Amino acid sequence: MLSGEPFSDRPRSVCPALREFLQGYNDALPDGLRQELFGLAADIVETHAPPRVTAWRARLCVDWARSVAATQGLATEFDGSTLSNCAHAGACTAEVARSNPWCHSQTVAFFTWMARRSTPRTLSPAPLPPAPRAPAAHPLGSPAGVRLVRGR
């Protein structure tokens, strides 16, 4: 029993994006690497969050899989950052991790960070700071004759 809930592969206290990624990753790993994931199960308890946080985590999971695949020169196809794509992202990441121990260790570290550092308890409720003001115009035009070109 975790978090007062009966055993389930879809506990309510777990973020759906993290759950789907970890299930896809776990299912595609060989037994030896799978043993290293036991600690992550406890890390994702109490990570359920508002939909905007879940969507953000889903995007991180899919982007992680794209990055991992790119290190091996592999292309990936995801139709957005949906929960079903989180499971696919986990499986794609595991395919690379099977033959790349560094990828596996970095995926575990990434996932641990997401579970521990991106929970609603640790997200700052403070609004973003205002954008910096544009610098005052230089009295002689662009400094040192530099020409700024926008839109290229």
C-alpha atoms as a PDB file:
ATOM      1  CA  MET A   1       0.000   0.000   0.000  1.00  0.00           C
ATOM      2  CA  LEU A   2       1.398   3.374  -1.042  1.00  0.00           C
ATOM      3  CA  SER A   3      -0.028   6.694   0.100  1.00  0.00           C
ATOM      4  CA  GLY A   4      -2.988   4.970   1.757  1.00  0.00           C
ATOM      5  CA  GLU A   5      -4.221   3.578  -1.559  1.00  0.00           C
ATOM      6  CA  PRO A   6      -4.724  -0.101  -2.354  1.00  0.00           C
ATOM      7  CA  PHE A   7      -2.244  -1.567  -4.840  1.00  0.00           C
ATOM      8  CA  SER A   8      -2.962  -0.472  -8.397  1.00  0.00           C
ATOM      9  CA  ASP A   9      -1.031   0.139 -11.605  1.00  0.00           C
ATOM     10  CA  ARG A  10      -2.850   3.505 -11.811  1.00  0.00           C
ATOM     11  CA  PRO A  11      -2.709   5.037  -8.313  1.00  0.00           C
ATOM     12  CA  ARG A  12      -4.481   8.383  -7.970  1.00  0.00           C
ATOM     13  CA  SER A  13      -1.591   9.934  -6.036  1.00  0.00           C
ATOM     14  CA  VAL A  14       0.807   9.535  -8.981  1.00  0.00           C
ATOM     15  CA  CYS A  15       1.139  11.971 -11.875  1.00  0.00           C
ATOM     16  CA  PRO A  16      -0.247  10.237 -14.993  1.00  0.00           C
ATOM     17  CA  ALA A  17       2.619  11.495 -17.197  1.00  0.00           C
ATOM     18  CA  LEU A  18       5.284  10.131 -14.847  1.00  0.00           C
ATOM     19  CA  ARG A  19       3.387   6.879 -14.397  1.00  0.00           C
ATOM     20  CA  GLU A  20       3.009   6.278 -18.144  1.00  0.00           C
ATOM     21  CA  PHE A  21       6.652   7.099 -18.920  1.00  0.00           C
ATOM     22  CA  LEU A  22       7.935   4.853 -16.132  1.00  0.00           C
ATOM     23  CA  GLN A  23       5.648   1.972 -17.148  1.00  0.00           C
ATOM     24  CA  GLY A  24       6.764   2.213 -20.778  1.00  0.00           C
ATOM     25  CA  TYR A  25      10.413   2.435 -19.719  1.00  0.00           C
ATOM     26  CA  ASN A  26      10.138  -0.436 -17.228  1.00  0.00           C
ATOM     27  CA  ASP A  27       8.320  -2.750 -19.636  1.00  0.00           C
ATOM     28  CA  ALA A  28      10.966  -2.346 -22.361  1.00  0.00           C
ATOM     29  CA  LEU A  29      14.036  -2.832 -20.125  1.00  0.00           C
ATOM     30  CA  PRO A  30      15.824  -6.125 -19.517  1.00  0.00           C
ATOM     31  CA  ASP A  31      15.540  -7.553 -15.988  1.00  0.00           C
ATOM     32  CA  GLY A  32      19.010  -6.397 -14.914  1.00  0.00           C
ATOM     33  CA  LEU A  33      18.272  -2.721 -15.562  1.00  0.00           C
ATOM     34  CA  ARG A  34      14.702  -2.988 -14.329  1.00  0.00           C
ATOM     35  CA  GLN A  35      15.948  -3.792 -10.821  1.00  0.00           C
ATOM     36  CA  GLU A  36      17.435  -0.297 -10.599  1.00  0.00           C
ATOM     37  CA  LEU A  37      13.980   1.278 -10.909  1.00  0.00           C
ATOM     38  CA  PHE A  38      12.541   0.119  -7.582  1.00  0.00           C
ATOM     39  CA  GLY A  39      13.441   3.379  -5.845  1.00  0.00           C
ATOM     40  CA  LEU A  40      11.605   5.402  -8.468  1.00  0.00           C
ATOM     41  CA  ALA A  41       8.286   3.816  -7.526  1.00  0.00           C
ATOM     42  CA  ALA A  42       8.442   5.488  -4.113  1.00  0.00           C
ATOM     43  CA  ASP A  43       9.646   8.769  -5.657  1.00  0.00           C
ATOM     44  CA  ILE A  44       6.519   9.202  -7.773  1.00  0.00           C
ATOM     45  CA  VAL A  45       4.049   8.759  -4.910  1.00  0.00           C
ATOM     46  CA  GLU A  46       2.279  12.062  -4.167  1.00  0.00           C
ATOM     47  CA  THR A  47       3.264  13.617  -7.500  1.00  0.00           C
ATOM     48  CA  HIS A  48      -0.294  14.043  -8.773  1.00  0.00           C
ATOM     49  CA  ALA A  49      -0.651  17.658  -9.839  1.00  0.00           C
ATOM     50  CA  PRO A  50      -2.941  20.060 -11.684  1.00  0.00           C
ATOM     51  CA  PRO A  51      -3.398  19.416 -15.412  1.00  0.00           C
ATOM     52  CA  ARG A  52      -0.934  22.164 -16.419  1.00  0.00           C
ATOM     53  CA  VAL A  53       1.836  20.453 -14.439  1.00  0.00           C
ATOM     54  CA  THR A  54       0.932  17.045 -15.871  1.00  0.00           C
ATOM     55  CA  ALA A  55       1.031  18.524 -19.399  1.00  0.00           C
ATOM     56  CA  TRP A  56       4.422  20.092 -18.661  1.00  0.00           C
ATOM     57  CA  ARG A  57       5.781  16.771 -17.396  1.00  0.00           C
ATOM     58  CA  ALA A  58       4.388  14.971 -20.451  1.00  0.00           C
ATOM     59  CA  ARG A  59       6.230  17.411 -22.696  1.00  0.00           C
ATOM     60  CA  LEU A  60       9.452  16.846 -20.731  1.00  0.00           C
ATOM     61  CA  CYS A  61       9.085  13.059 -21.085  1.00  0.00           C
ATOM     62  CA  VAL A  62       8.560  13.228 -24.842  1.00  0.00           C
ATOM     63  CA  ASP A  63      11.386  15.734 -25.293  1.00  0.00           C
ATOM     64  CA  TRP A  64      13.682  13.490 -23.226  1.00  0.00           C
ATOM     65  CA  ALA A  65      12.943  10.545 -25.493  1.00  0.00           C
ATOM     66  CA  ARG A  66      13.643  12.663 -28.582  1.00  0.00           C
ATOM     67  CA  SER A  67      16.959  13.804 -27.097  1.00  0.00           C
ATOM     68  CA  VAL A  68      18.008  10.302 -26.131  1.00  0.00           C
ATOM     69  CA  ALA A  69      17.118   8.947 -29.567  1.00  0.00           C
ATOM     70  CA  ALA A  70      19.052  11.766 -31.237  1.00  0.00           C
ATOM     71  CA  THR A  71      22.229  10.774 -29.354  1.00  0.00           C
ATOM     72  CA  GLN A  72      22.057   7.513 -31.286  1.00  0.00           C
ATOM     73  CA  GLY A  73      21.036   9.070 -34.590  1.00  0.00           C
ATOM     74  CA  LEU A  74      17.505   7.660 -34.323  1.00  0.00           C
ATOM     75  CA  ALA A  75      14.373   9.476 -35.406  1.00  0.00           C
ATOM     76  CA  THR A  76      11.222   9.472 -33.300  1.00  0.00           C
ATOM     77  CA  GLU A  77       7.641  10.222 -34.153  1.00  0.00           C
ATOM     78  CA  PHE A  78       5.315  11.538 -31.490  1.00  0.00           C
ATOM     79  CA  ASP A  79       1.947  13.097 -32.128  1.00  0.00           C
ATOM     80  CA  GLY A  80       2.185  15.717 -29.399  1.00  0.00           C
ATOM     81  CA  SER A  81       2.826  15.219 -25.716  1.00  0.00           C
ATOM     82  CA  THR A  82      -0.157  13.095 -24.759  1.00  0.00           C
ATOM     83  CA  LEU A  83      -0.208  10.506 -21.979  1.00  0.00           C
ATOM     84  CA  SER A  84      -0.078   7.666 -24.508  1.00  0.00           C
ATOM     85  CA  ASN A  85       3.019   9.302 -25.960  1.00  0.00           C
ATOM     86  CA  CYS A  86       4.570   9.300 -22.479  1.00  0.00           C
ATOM     87  CA  ALA A  87       4.403   5.496 -22.462  1.00  0.00           C
ATOM     88  CA  HIS A  88       5.848   5.408 -25.984  1.00  0.00           C
ATOM     89  CA  ALA A  89       8.564   7.877 -24.907  1.00  0.00           C
ATOM     90  CA  GLY A  90       9.489   5.582 -22.027  1.00  0.00           C
ATOM     91  CA  ALA A  91       9.689   2.573 -24.336  1.00  0.00           C
ATOM     92  CA  CYS A  92      11.802   4.460 -26.907  1.00  0.00           C
ATOM     93  CA  THR A  93      14.167   5.624 -24.178  1.00  0.00           C
ATOM     94  CA  ALA A  94      14.478   2.061 -22.886  1.00  0.00           C
ATOM     95  CA  GLU A  95      15.427   0.812 -26.341  1.00  0.00           C
ATOM     96  CA  VAL A  96      18.462   3.098 -26.283  1.00  0.00           C
ATOM     97  CA  ALA A  97      19.203   2.401 -22.610  1.00  0.00           C
ATOM     98  CA  ARG A  98      19.370  -1.355 -23.262  1.00  0.00           C
ATOM     99  CA  SER A  99      22.712  -0.913 -24.990  1.00  0.00           C
ATOM    100  CA  ASN A 100      23.848   2.356 -23.421  1.00  0.00           C
ATOM    101  CA  PRO A 101      24.454   2.306 -19.646  1.00  0.00           C
ATOM    102  CA  TRP A 102      25.075   6.063 -19.623  1.00  0.00           C
ATOM    103  CA  CYS A 103      21.641   6.657 -21.125  1.00  0.00           C
ATOM    104  CA  HIS A 104      20.041   4.491 -18.445  1.00  0.00           C
ATOM    105  CA  SER A 105      21.799   6.287 -15.595  1.00  0.00           C
ATOM    106  CA  GLN A 106      20.895   9.697 -17.039  1.00  0.00           C
ATOM    107  CA  THR A 107      17.271   8.642 -17.540  1.00  0.00           C
ATOM    108  CA  VAL A 108      17.036   7.516 -13.925  1.00  0.00           C
ATOM    109  CA  ALA A 109      18.574  10.840 -12.819  1.00  0.00           C
ATOM    110  CA  PHE A 110      16.220  12.824 -15.082  1.00  0.00           C
ATOM    111  CA  PHE A 111      13.209  10.926 -13.849  1.00  0.00           C
ATOM    112  CA  THR A 112      14.256  11.331 -10.213  1.00  0.00           C
ATOM    113  CA  TRP A 113      14.606  15.071 -10.774  1.00  0.00           C
ATOM    114  CA  MET A 114      11.150  15.274 -12.324  1.00  0.00           C
ATOM    115  CA  ALA A 115       9.576  13.317  -9.490  1.00  0.00           C
ATOM    116  CA  ARG A 116      11.333  15.170  -6.679  1.00  0.00           C
ATOM    117  CA  ARG A 117      11.815  18.677  -7.998  1.00  0.00           C
ATOM    118  CA  SER A 118       8.768  19.277 -10.119  1.00  0.00           C
ATOM    119  CA  THR A 119       6.030  18.460  -7.650  1.00  0.00           C
ATOM    120  CA  PRO A 120       3.356  21.023  -6.825  1.00  0.00           C
ATOM    121  CA  ARG A 121       4.984  21.495  -3.408  1.00  0.00           C
ATOM    122  CA  THR A 122       8.191  22.719  -5.012  1.00  0.00           C
ATOM    123  CA  LEU A 123       6.819  24.787  -7.867  1.00  0.00           C
ATOM    124  CA  SER A 124       7.013  28.452  -7.049  1.00  0.00           C
ATOM    125  CA  PRO A 125       3.590  30.087  -6.853  1.00  0.00           C
ATOM    126  CA  ALA A 126       5.219  33.464  -7.536  1.00  0.00           C
ATOM    127  CA  PRO A 127       4.543  34.999 -10.946  1.00  0.00           C
ATOM    128  CA  LEU A 128       7.354  35.408 -13.422  1.00  0.00           C
ATOM    129  CA  PRO A 129       9.340  38.606 -13.039  1.00  0.00           C
ATOM    130  CA  PRO A 130       8.571  41.360 -15.528  1.00  0.00           C
ATOM    131  CA  ALA A 131      10.538  41.426 -18.753  1.00  0.00           C
ATOM    132  CA  PRO A 132      13.620  43.628 -18.619  1.00  0.00           C
ATOM    133  CA  ARG A 133      13.247  47.124 -19.993  1.00  0.00           C
ATOM    134  CA  ALA A 134      14.723  47.876 -23.366  1.00  0.00           C
ATOM    135  CA  PRO A 135      18.016  49.732 -23.026  1.00  0.00           C
ATOM    136  CA  ALA A 136      17.972  53.442 -23.678  1.00  0.00           C
ATOM    137  CA  ALA A 137      18.892  54.442 -27.198  1.00  0.00           C
ATOM    138  CA  HIS A 138      22.580  55.175 -27.688  1.00  0.00           C
ATOM    139  CA  PRO A 139      23.009  58.897 -28.421  1.00  0.00           C
ATOM    140  CA  LEU A 140      25.042  58.183 -31.574  1.00  0.00           C
ATOM    141  CA  GLY A 141      22.960  55.311 -32.904  1.00  0.00           C
ATOM    142  CA  SER A 142      23.994  51.685 -32.439  1.00  0.00           C
ATOM    143  CA  PRO A 143      27.027  51.234 -30.195  1.00  0.00           C
ATOM    144  CA  ALA A 144      30.307  50.804 -32.072  1.00  0.00           C
ATOM    145  CA  GLY A 145      28.495  50.822 -35.386  1.00  0.00           C
ATOM    146  CA  VAL A 146      26.669  47.536 -34.686  1.00  0.00           C
ATOM    147  CA  ARG A 147      23.560  47.110 -36.788  1.00  0.00           C
ATOM    148  CA  LEU A 148      20.824  45.004 -35.228  1.00  0.00           C
ATOM    149  CA  VAL A 149      18.713  43.003 -37.646  1.00  0.00           C
ATOM    150  CA  ARG A 150      15.480  41.465 -36.427  1.00  0.00           C
ATOM    151  CA  GLY A 151      13.452  38.703 -38.020  1.00  0.00           C
ATOM    152  CA  ARG A 152      16.241  36.692 -39.550  1.00  0.00           C
END
